[in-house]
Protein backbone atom coordinates (compact mmCIF):
# COMPACT_ATOMS: atom_id res chain seq x y z
CA UNK A 1 145.23 132.34 93.88
CA UNK A 2 143.63 133.12 90.55
CA UNK A 3 142.11 130.77 88.01
CA UNK A 4 143.03 130.49 84.36
CA UNK A 5 142.32 133.54 82.25
CA UNK A 6 139.61 133.55 79.60
CA UNK A 7 142.41 133.72 77.00
CA UNK A 8 143.78 130.45 78.39
CA UNK A 9 140.31 128.91 78.10
CA UNK A 10 139.94 130.01 74.47
CA UNK A 11 143.41 128.74 73.63
CA UNK A 12 142.63 125.39 75.23
CA UNK A 13 139.33 125.09 73.32
CA UNK A 14 141.22 125.80 70.07
CA UNK A 15 143.73 123.11 71.00
CA UNK A 16 140.91 120.63 71.65
CA UNK A 17 139.33 121.52 68.30
CA UNK A 18 142.63 121.07 66.47
CA UNK A 19 143.50 117.73 68.10
CA UNK A 20 140.03 116.23 67.66
CA UNK A 21 139.73 117.33 64.04
CA UNK A 22 143.22 116.07 63.24
CA UNK A 23 142.17 112.67 64.59
CA UNK A 24 138.89 112.79 62.66
CA UNK A 25 140.75 113.59 59.43
CA UNK A 26 143.45 110.97 60.11
CA UNK A 27 146.19 113.59 60.41
CA UNK A 28 146.86 112.33 63.95
CA UNK A 29 146.33 108.81 65.31
CA UNK A 30 143.74 108.04 67.93
CA UNK A 31 146.52 106.65 70.12
CA UNK A 32 148.43 109.94 69.83
CA UNK A 33 145.28 111.86 70.72
CA UNK A 34 144.61 109.57 73.68
CA UNK A 35 148.19 110.19 74.83
CA UNK A 36 147.59 113.95 74.65
CA UNK A 37 144.32 113.52 76.56
CA UNK A 38 145.94 111.28 79.22
CA UNK A 39 148.57 113.94 79.92
CA UNK A 40 145.88 116.41 81.03
CA UNK A 41 144.81 116.90 84.64
CA UNK A 42 141.36 115.46 85.45
CA UNK A 43 139.59 118.85 85.33
CA UNK A 44 140.97 119.49 81.82
CA UNK A 45 139.96 115.97 80.77
CA UNK A 46 136.40 116.79 81.82
CA UNK A 47 136.54 120.01 79.77
CA UNK A 48 137.69 118.02 76.74
CA UNK A 49 134.91 115.47 77.17
CA UNK A 50 132.32 118.24 77.40
CA UNK A 51 133.72 119.99 74.32
CA UNK A 52 133.90 116.80 72.23
CA UNK A 53 130.38 115.90 73.33
CA UNK A 54 129.30 119.19 71.77
CA UNK A 55 131.13 118.33 68.55
CA UNK A 56 129.39 114.95 68.42
CA UNK A 57 126.00 116.56 68.95
CA UNK A 58 126.70 119.13 66.20
CA UNK A 59 127.71 116.33 63.84
CA UNK A 60 124.28 114.75 64.42
CA UNK A 61 125.59 111.29 65.24
CA UNK A 62 123.36 108.35 64.47
CA UNK A 63 123.12 104.95 66.14
CA UNK A 64 125.08 103.55 63.18
CA UNK A 65 127.79 106.18 63.73
CA UNK A 66 127.90 105.11 67.37
CA UNK A 67 128.40 101.45 66.54
CA UNK A 68 131.02 102.20 63.86
CA UNK A 69 132.85 104.60 66.16
CA UNK A 70 132.94 102.13 69.03
CA UNK A 71 134.39 99.53 66.66
CA UNK A 72 137.14 102.01 65.68
CA UNK A 73 137.83 103.16 69.23
CA UNK A 74 139.45 100.00 70.59
CA UNK A 75 137.07 100.19 73.57
CA UNK A 76 134.94 97.16 74.42
CA UNK A 77 131.32 97.50 73.30
CA UNK A 78 130.23 96.71 76.88
CA UNK A 79 132.23 99.59 78.45
CA UNK A 80 130.10 102.41 79.87
CA UNK A 81 131.06 105.02 77.23
CA UNK A 82 130.36 102.54 74.42
CA UNK A 83 126.94 101.65 75.77
CA UNK A 84 126.09 105.33 76.36
CA UNK A 85 126.94 106.46 72.82
CA UNK A 86 125.05 103.57 71.20
CA UNK A 87 121.78 104.26 73.03
CA UNK A 88 118.96 105.75 71.02
CA UNK A 89 119.16 108.63 71.63
CA UNK A 90 122.79 108.67 72.78
CA UNK A 91 123.57 109.59 76.39
CA UNK A 92 126.15 112.35 76.69
CA UNK A 93 127.18 112.47 80.37
CA UNK A 94 130.77 111.43 79.67
CA UNK A 95 132.40 114.10 81.85
CA UNK A 96 130.41 112.74 84.78
CA UNK A 97 131.88 109.26 84.47
CA UNK A 98 134.51 108.18 87.02
CA UNK A 99 137.97 109.43 86.05
CA UNK A 100 139.06 105.84 85.38
CA UNK A 101 136.61 105.86 82.43
CA UNK A 102 137.74 109.17 80.91
CA UNK A 103 140.31 107.81 78.42
CA UNK A 104 137.77 105.24 77.19
CA UNK A 105 135.17 107.98 76.89
CA UNK A 106 137.60 110.16 74.91
CA UNK A 107 138.44 107.32 72.52
CA UNK A 108 134.75 106.51 71.98
CA UNK A 109 133.62 110.12 71.58
CA UNK A 110 136.39 111.09 69.17
CA UNK A 111 135.92 107.91 67.13
CA UNK A 112 132.17 108.41 66.84
CA UNK A 113 132.68 112.08 66.00
CA UNK A 114 135.18 111.05 63.29
CA UNK A 115 132.64 108.71 61.70
CA UNK A 116 129.83 111.29 61.77
CA UNK A 117 132.03 114.19 60.71
CA UNK A 118 133.47 112.21 57.79
CA UNK A 119 129.93 111.38 56.67
CA UNK A 120 128.98 115.06 56.86
CA UNK A 121 132.14 116.20 55.02
CA UNK A 122 131.31 113.74 52.23
CA UNK A 123 127.67 114.80 51.96
CA UNK A 124 126.80 118.24 53.33
CA UNK A 125 130.17 119.90 52.76
CA UNK A 126 131.40 118.11 49.65
CA UNK A 127 132.93 120.56 47.19
CA UNK A 128 131.74 123.71 48.94
CA UNK A 129 132.94 123.50 52.51
CA UNK A 130 134.04 126.68 54.21
CA UNK A 131 134.41 125.21 57.69
CA UNK A 132 138.01 125.87 58.76
CA UNK A 133 138.07 122.64 60.77
CA UNK A 134 137.24 120.63 57.63
CA UNK A 135 140.15 122.13 55.75
CA UNK A 136 143.16 121.39 57.93
CA UNK A 137 146.58 121.34 56.28
CA UNK A 138 147.82 117.84 55.49
CA UNK A 139 151.09 118.21 57.40
CA UNK A 140 150.76 119.48 60.96
CA UNK A 141 153.13 119.64 63.89
CA UNK A 142 152.03 117.98 67.11
CA UNK A 143 153.02 119.68 70.40
């Protein structure tokens, strides 16, 4: 039996990037994104959590972003992923959480990323952004 090809891995990472950025830019709802995430097998969910963790780190989330993102996520502030992201500095071991926590972790991570990425789009990238993921078309089709 063979594993997925590297092309499959690249395609999946592009799909993750598209879904997460559509949520961050309010082109897709968080609930729709969580539905997409829930449909994945546990190993793929862990891949998504690792990838989105990287996005959050690149967006340089702050403690304030963490609190605002948790408030947007619909996840209780006392849930493990909420506590982890609001620590100073944030803890990023989301893929290592029990699988029962993965949907909560996805909702928290994507929500916090959305807050931080919006802040960065409005400051660092305002008027001169060349990042493809910051310039998604307004109308997209969801698989």
